[in-house]
Amino acid sequence: MGDLHFENKLWLNELNFAADELKIFEGYLEELVRRGGGRNMMAQVEQYQNQFIREKEVIDMMKHDINRHEHKLVEFTRRHPVTFDLYEMEDHDGIREAMERFRKIFNELKANFFLFHQNWRTSQA
């Protein structure tokens, strides 16, 4: 049981960190808008803003699912302290798979955003 709780905590921390990164990225986009830029740059800024909004929604949904699962774990162990090993892990495995998908998509988004950032900086030099 401790492993499941531990993994839930790690996932929540990872999602919180991703949300903090998105805030930083959004701040950078706001700075680009203030500086002004060409039509192409503004279109890319809008595209990233939309992707960041979507990722924040995904993060919120994932956190909700993890917290709901954590509540189920606590309730099950409270009612069945001896038979916890028989607990059905389907929810946990599903969340694990969703976290793996989230990581892949989020890392791709970050890599693309860093490339956009680098391209924008070099075009301003």
N, C-alpha and C. Protein backbone atom coordinates (compact mmCIF):
# COMPACT_ATOMS: atom_id res chain seq x y z
N MET A 1 0.82 -1.19 0.00
CA MET A 1 0.00 0.00 0.00
C MET A 1 0.85 1.25 0.00
N GLY A 2 1.93 1.21 0.74
CA GLY A 2 2.80 2.37 0.80
C GLY A 2 3.31 2.79 -0.56
N ASP A 3 3.57 1.80 -1.42
CA ASP A 3 4.07 2.10 -2.76
C ASP A 3 3.03 2.86 -3.58
N LEU A 4 1.77 2.49 -3.44
CA LEU A 4 0.71 3.17 -4.19
C LEU A 4 0.57 4.61 -3.72
N HIS A 5 0.58 4.82 -2.42
CA HIS A 5 0.51 6.18 -1.87
C HIS A 5 1.71 7.00 -2.33
N PHE A 6 2.88 6.39 -2.27
CA PHE A 6 4.12 7.05 -2.67
C PHE A 6 4.04 7.48 -4.14
N GLU A 7 3.58 6.57 -4.98
CA GLU A 7 3.48 6.89 -6.41
C GLU A 7 2.47 8.01 -6.64
N ASN A 8 1.36 7.98 -5.93
CA ASN A 8 0.37 9.07 -6.05
C ASN A 8 1.00 10.41 -5.68
N LYS A 9 1.75 10.44 -4.60
CA LYS A 9 2.41 11.68 -4.18
C LYS A 9 3.40 12.17 -5.22
N LEU A 10 4.18 11.24 -5.78
CA LEU A 10 5.13 11.62 -6.82
C LEU A 10 4.42 12.21 -8.03
N TRP A 11 3.34 11.57 -8.43
CA TRP A 11 2.58 12.06 -9.58
C TRP A 11 2.03 13.46 -9.32
N LEU A 12 1.47 13.66 -8.15
CA LEU A 12 0.93 14.98 -7.83
C LEU A 12 2.03 16.04 -7.84
N ASN A 13 3.18 15.72 -7.28
CA ASN A 13 4.30 16.66 -7.31
C ASN A 13 4.74 16.94 -8.74
N GLU A 14 4.80 15.91 -9.55
CA GLU A 14 5.20 16.08 -10.95
C GLU A 14 4.21 16.98 -11.69
N LEU A 15 2.94 16.78 -11.45
CA LEU A 15 1.91 17.61 -12.10
C LEU A 15 1.98 19.05 -11.61
N ASN A 16 2.21 19.24 -10.33
CA ASN A 16 2.36 20.60 -9.80
C ASN A 16 3.56 21.30 -10.42
N PHE A 17 4.65 20.57 -10.58
CA PHE A 17 5.84 21.13 -11.19
C PHE A 17 5.56 21.52 -12.65
N ALA A 18 4.87 20.66 -13.38
CA ALA A 18 4.52 20.96 -14.77
C ALA A 18 3.65 22.21 -14.84
N ALA A 19 2.70 22.34 -13.91
CA ALA A 19 1.85 23.54 -13.87
C ALA A 19 2.69 24.79 -13.62
N ASP A 20 3.67 24.69 -12.74
CA ASP A 20 4.57 25.82 -12.48
C ASP A 20 5.38 26.16 -13.73
N GLU A 21 5.84 25.15 -14.44
CA GLU A 21 6.58 25.40 -15.69
C GLU A 21 5.69 26.12 -16.69
N LEU A 22 4.45 25.71 -16.80
CA LEU A 22 3.53 26.36 -17.72
C LEU A 22 3.35 27.84 -17.38
N LYS A 23 3.31 28.17 -16.10
CA LYS A 23 3.21 29.58 -15.70
C LYS A 23 4.42 30.37 -16.19
N ILE A 24 5.59 29.78 -16.09
CA ILE A 24 6.81 30.44 -16.58
C ILE A 24 6.73 30.62 -18.09
N PHE A 25 6.32 29.59 -18.80
CA PHE A 25 6.21 29.68 -20.26
C PHE A 25 5.18 30.74 -20.66
N GLU A 26 4.06 30.79 -19.94
CA GLU A 26 3.05 31.80 -20.24
C GLU A 26 3.59 33.21 -20.01
N GLY A 27 4.38 33.37 -18.98
CA GLY A 27 5.00 34.66 -18.72
C GLY A 27 5.91 35.08 -19.85
N TYR A 28 6.65 34.13 -20.41
CA TYR A 28 7.52 34.43 -21.54
C TYR A 28 6.69 34.84 -22.74
N LEU A 29 5.58 34.15 -22.99
CA LEU A 29 4.72 34.51 -24.12
C LEU A 29 4.15 35.92 -23.93
N GLU A 30 3.76 36.26 -22.71
CA GLU A 30 3.25 37.60 -22.45
C GLU A 30 4.31 38.66 -22.75
N GLU A 31 5.54 38.34 -22.41
CA GLU A 31 6.65 39.26 -22.70
C GLU A 31 6.83 39.42 -24.21
N LEU A 32 6.72 38.34 -24.95
CA LEU A 32 6.82 38.44 -26.41
C LEU A 32 5.72 39.32 -26.99
N VAL A 33 4.53 39.18 -26.46
CA VAL A 33 3.40 39.99 -26.94
C VAL A 33 3.67 41.47 -26.66
N ARG A 34 4.21 41.76 -25.48
CA ARG A 34 4.52 43.16 -25.13
C ARG A 34 5.57 43.74 -26.07
N ARG A 35 6.55 42.94 -26.44
CA ARG A 35 7.61 43.40 -27.34
C ARG A 35 7.10 43.58 -28.76
N GLY A 36 6.03 42.90 -29.06
CA GLY A 36 5.51 42.94 -30.42
C GLY A 36 6.30 42.01 -31.31
N GLY A 37 5.75 41.67 -32.39
CA GLY A 37 6.43 40.75 -33.30
C GLY A 37 5.61 40.61 -34.56
N GLY A 38 6.15 39.91 -35.45
CA GLY A 38 5.46 39.70 -36.72
C GLY A 38 4.24 38.83 -36.58
N ARG A 39 3.53 38.76 -37.66
CA ARG A 39 2.31 37.96 -37.72
C ARG A 39 2.59 36.49 -37.42
N ASN A 40 3.68 35.98 -37.97
CA ASN A 40 4.03 34.57 -37.77
C ASN A 40 4.30 34.29 -36.29
N MET A 41 5.05 35.20 -35.65
CA MET A 41 5.37 35.00 -34.23
C MET A 41 4.09 35.05 -33.39
N MET A 42 3.21 35.98 -33.70
CA MET A 42 1.97 36.09 -32.93
C MET A 42 1.09 34.85 -33.12
N ALA A 43 1.09 34.28 -34.31
CA ALA A 43 0.33 33.05 -34.54
C ALA A 43 0.90 31.91 -33.71
N GLN A 44 2.22 31.84 -33.62
CA GLN A 44 2.84 30.80 -32.82
C GLN A 44 2.57 31.02 -31.33
N VAL A 45 2.60 32.29 -30.90
CA VAL A 45 2.28 32.60 -29.50
C VAL A 45 0.88 32.13 -29.17
N GLU A 46 -0.06 32.42 -30.04
CA GLU A 46 -1.45 31.99 -29.81
C GLU A 46 -1.56 30.47 -29.77
N GLN A 47 -0.83 29.81 -30.66
CA GLN A 47 -0.84 28.35 -30.68
C GLN A 47 -0.33 27.79 -29.35
N TYR A 48 0.77 28.36 -28.85
CA TYR A 48 1.31 27.87 -27.57
C TYR A 48 0.38 28.22 -26.41
N GLN A 49 -0.22 29.38 -26.46
CA GLN A 49 -1.17 29.73 -25.40
C GLN A 49 -2.29 28.70 -25.34
N ASN A 50 -2.81 28.31 -26.48
CA ASN A 50 -3.88 27.30 -26.53
C ASN A 50 -3.39 25.95 -26.02
N GLN A 51 -2.18 25.57 -26.40
CA GLN A 51 -1.64 24.29 -25.93
C GLN A 51 -1.42 24.32 -24.42
N PHE A 52 -0.97 25.45 -23.90
CA PHE A 52 -0.75 25.56 -22.45
C PHE A 52 -2.07 25.48 -21.70
N ILE A 53 -3.10 26.12 -22.24
CA ILE A 53 -4.42 26.04 -21.61
C ILE A 53 -4.88 24.58 -21.56
N ARG A 54 -4.71 23.87 -22.66
CA ARG A 54 -5.12 22.47 -22.72
C ARG A 54 -4.33 21.63 -21.72
N GLU A 55 -3.02 21.86 -21.64
CA GLU A 55 -2.20 21.09 -20.70
C GLU A 55 -2.62 21.36 -19.26
N LYS A 56 -2.97 22.61 -18.95
CA LYS A 56 -3.44 22.91 -17.58
C LYS A 56 -4.74 22.17 -17.29
N GLU A 57 -5.61 22.06 -18.29
CA GLU A 57 -6.84 21.29 -18.10
C GLU A 57 -6.53 19.81 -17.85
N VAL A 58 -5.60 19.28 -18.61
CA VAL A 58 -5.20 17.87 -18.43
C VAL A 58 -4.61 17.68 -17.04
N ILE A 59 -3.76 18.60 -16.61
CA ILE A 59 -3.16 18.51 -15.28
C ILE A 59 -4.24 18.50 -14.21
N ASP A 60 -5.22 19.38 -14.34
CA ASP A 60 -6.31 19.43 -13.35
C ASP A 60 -7.09 18.12 -13.32
N MET A 61 -7.36 17.56 -14.50
CA MET A 61 -8.09 16.29 -14.55
C MET A 61 -7.27 15.16 -13.93
N MET A 62 -5.98 15.14 -14.25
CA MET A 62 -5.11 14.09 -13.70
C MET A 62 -5.03 14.20 -12.18
N LYS A 63 -4.88 15.41 -11.67
CA LYS A 63 -4.81 15.60 -10.22
C LYS A 63 -6.11 15.15 -9.57
N HIS A 64 -7.23 15.45 -10.20
CA HIS A 64 -8.52 15.02 -9.68
C HIS A 64 -8.58 13.49 -9.62
N ASP A 65 -8.17 12.83 -10.71
CA ASP A 65 -8.20 11.36 -10.75
C ASP A 65 -7.29 10.75 -9.69
N ILE A 66 -6.11 11.33 -9.53
CA ILE A 66 -5.17 10.80 -8.52
C ILE A 66 -5.73 10.99 -7.12
N ASN A 67 -6.29 12.16 -6.84
CA ASN A 67 -6.86 12.41 -5.51
C ASN A 67 -8.05 11.49 -5.24
N ARG A 68 -8.87 11.26 -6.27
CA ARG A 68 -10.01 10.34 -6.11
C ARG A 68 -9.50 8.93 -5.83
N HIS A 69 -8.47 8.52 -6.55
CA HIS A 69 -7.89 7.19 -6.35
C HIS A 69 -7.27 7.09 -4.95
N GLU A 70 -6.60 8.13 -4.53
CA GLU A 70 -6.00 8.13 -3.19
C GLU A 70 -7.09 7.97 -2.12
N HIS A 71 -8.19 8.65 -2.32
CA HIS A 71 -9.32 8.53 -1.38
C HIS A 71 -9.83 7.08 -1.35
N LYS A 72 -9.92 6.45 -2.52
CA LYS A 72 -10.35 5.04 -2.57
C LYS A 72 -9.38 4.14 -1.81
N LEU A 73 -8.08 4.40 -1.98
CA LEU A 73 -7.08 3.61 -1.27
C LEU A 73 -7.25 3.74 0.24
N VAL A 74 -7.42 4.95 0.68
CA VAL A 74 -7.58 5.19 2.12
C VAL A 74 -8.83 4.49 2.64
N GLU A 75 -9.93 4.62 1.92
CA GLU A 75 -11.18 3.98 2.34
C GLU A 75 -11.05 2.46 2.35
N PHE A 76 -10.43 1.91 1.34
CA PHE A 76 -10.28 0.46 1.28
C PHE A 76 -9.43 -0.04 2.44
N THR A 77 -8.32 0.62 2.72
CA THR A 77 -7.45 0.17 3.81
C THR A 77 -8.11 0.36 5.16
N ARG A 78 -8.94 1.37 5.27
CA ARG A 78 -9.66 1.58 6.53
C ARG A 78 -10.65 0.44 6.78
N ARG A 79 -11.31 0.01 5.71
CA ARG A 79 -12.31 -1.06 5.85
C ARG A 79 -11.71 -2.47 5.83
N HIS A 80 -10.56 -2.63 5.18
CA HIS A 80 -9.95 -3.95 5.00
C HIS A 80 -8.46 -3.89 5.28
N PRO A 81 -8.08 -3.62 6.50
CA PRO A 81 -6.65 -3.43 6.78
C PRO A 81 -5.79 -4.67 6.53
N VAL A 82 -6.36 -5.83 6.62
CA VAL A 82 -5.57 -7.06 6.50
C VAL A 82 -5.48 -7.52 5.04
N THR A 83 -6.50 -7.24 4.25
CA THR A 83 -6.57 -7.78 2.89
C THR A 83 -6.19 -6.76 1.83
N PHE A 84 -5.42 -5.78 2.19
CA PHE A 84 -5.09 -4.74 1.21
C PHE A 84 -4.40 -5.32 -0.02
N ASP A 85 -3.64 -6.37 0.14
CA ASP A 85 -2.93 -6.95 -1.00
C ASP A 85 -3.89 -7.44 -2.09
N LEU A 86 -5.13 -7.66 -1.74
CA LEU A 86 -6.12 -8.11 -2.71
C LEU A 86 -6.77 -6.94 -3.46
N TYR A 87 -6.39 -5.73 -3.12
CA TYR A 87 -6.97 -4.53 -3.73
C TYR A 87 -6.77 -4.54 -5.24
N GLU A 88 -7.82 -4.27 -5.95
CA GLU A 88 -7.78 -4.20 -7.41
C GLU A 88 -7.03 -2.94 -7.83
N MET A 89 -5.97 -3.10 -8.61
CA MET A 89 -5.12 -1.97 -8.97
C MET A 89 -5.45 -1.39 -10.34
N GLU A 90 -6.60 -1.72 -10.89
CA GLU A 90 -6.96 -1.25 -12.23
C GLU A 90 -6.91 0.27 -12.33
N ASP A 91 -7.47 0.98 -11.36
CA ASP A 91 -7.45 2.44 -11.38
C ASP A 91 -6.01 2.95 -11.37
N HIS A 92 -5.21 2.36 -10.51
CA HIS A 92 -3.83 2.81 -10.37
C HIS A 92 -3.04 2.59 -11.67
N ASP A 93 -3.22 1.43 -12.26
CA ASP A 93 -2.54 1.14 -13.51
C ASP A 93 -2.99 2.09 -14.63
N GLY A 94 -4.26 2.42 -14.64
CA GLY A 94 -4.78 3.37 -15.63
C GLY A 94 -4.19 4.76 -15.45
N ILE A 95 -4.05 5.17 -14.22
CA ILE A 95 -3.44 6.47 -13.94
C ILE A 95 -1.96 6.44 -14.34
N ARG A 96 -1.30 5.34 -14.05
CA ARG A 96 0.12 5.20 -14.43
C ARG A 96 0.27 5.38 -15.95
N GLU A 97 -0.60 4.72 -16.71
CA GLU A 97 -0.54 4.84 -18.17
C GLU A 97 -0.85 6.27 -18.61
N ALA A 98 -1.82 6.91 -17.97
CA ALA A 98 -2.15 8.30 -18.30
C ALA A 98 -0.97 9.23 -17.98
N MET A 99 -0.27 8.96 -16.89
CA MET A 99 0.90 9.78 -16.55
C MET A 99 2.00 9.60 -17.60
N GLU A 100 2.18 8.40 -18.08
CA GLU A 100 3.19 8.16 -19.12
C GLU A 100 2.84 8.93 -20.39
N ARG A 101 1.57 8.92 -20.77
CA ARG A 101 1.13 9.70 -21.94
C ARG A 101 1.33 11.18 -21.70
N PHE A 102 0.96 11.65 -20.49
CA PHE A 102 1.13 13.06 -20.17
C PHE A 102 2.59 13.47 -20.30
N ARG A 103 3.48 12.67 -19.72
CA ARG A 103 4.92 12.99 -19.78
C ARG A 103 5.39 13.12 -21.22
N LYS A 104 4.99 12.17 -22.05
CA LYS A 104 5.42 12.18 -23.45
C LYS A 104 4.93 13.45 -24.15
N ILE A 105 3.67 13.75 -24.02
CA ILE A 105 3.09 14.92 -24.68
C ILE A 105 3.69 16.21 -24.11
N PHE A 106 3.81 16.28 -22.79
CA PHE A 106 4.34 17.49 -22.16
C PHE A 106 5.80 17.70 -22.54
N ASN A 107 6.59 16.64 -22.58
CA ASN A 107 8.00 16.78 -22.96
C ASN A 107 8.14 17.21 -24.42
N GLU A 108 7.28 16.72 -25.28
CA GLU A 108 7.29 17.17 -26.68
C GLU A 108 6.92 18.65 -26.78
N LEU A 109 5.91 19.05 -26.02
CA LEU A 109 5.51 20.45 -26.01
C LEU A 109 6.65 21.33 -25.53
N LYS A 110 7.31 20.92 -24.45
CA LYS A 110 8.43 21.69 -23.93
C LYS A 110 9.56 21.79 -24.96
N ALA A 111 9.90 20.69 -25.59
CA ALA A 111 10.98 20.69 -26.58
C ALA A 111 10.64 21.64 -27.73
N ASN A 112 9.41 21.59 -28.21
CA ASN A 112 8.99 22.50 -29.28
C ASN A 112 9.00 23.95 -28.82
N PHE A 113 8.57 24.17 -27.59
CA PHE A 113 8.55 25.53 -27.07
C PHE A 113 9.97 26.07 -26.91
N PHE A 114 10.89 25.24 -26.43
CA PHE A 114 12.28 25.68 -26.30
C PHE A 114 12.87 26.00 -27.67
N LEU A 115 12.52 25.23 -28.68
CA LEU A 115 12.98 25.51 -30.03
C LEU A 115 12.40 26.85 -30.52
N PHE A 116 11.13 27.07 -30.28
CA PHE A 116 10.49 28.35 -30.61
C PHE A 116 11.21 29.49 -29.90
N HIS A 117 11.47 29.31 -28.62
CA HIS A 117 12.17 30.33 -27.83
C HIS A 117 13.55 30.62 -28.42
N GLN A 118 14.28 29.56 -28.73
CA GLN A 118 15.63 29.72 -29.30
C GLN A 118 15.57 30.44 -30.64
N ASN A 119 14.63 30.04 -31.49
CA ASN A 119 14.49 30.68 -32.80
C ASN A 119 14.14 32.15 -32.66
N TRP A 120 13.28 32.47 -31.72
CA TRP A 120 12.88 33.86 -31.51
C TRP A 120 14.06 34.68 -31.02
N ARG A 121 14.83 34.13 -30.10
CA ARG A 121 16.01 34.85 -29.57
C ARG A 121 17.03 35.10 -30.67
N THR A 122 17.31 34.08 -31.49
CA THR A 122 18.32 34.26 -32.54
C THR A 122 17.85 35.22 -33.62
N SER A 123 16.54 35.28 -33.86
CA SER A 123 16.04 36.22 -34.86
C SER A 123 16.10 37.65 -34.36
N GLN A 124 16.16 37.83 -33.04
CA GLN A 124 16.23 39.17 -32.46
C GLN A 124 17.67 39.66 -32.32
N ALA A 125 18.63 38.75 -32.46
CA ALA A 125 20.05 39.13 -32.27
C ALA A 125 20.61 39.89 -33.45
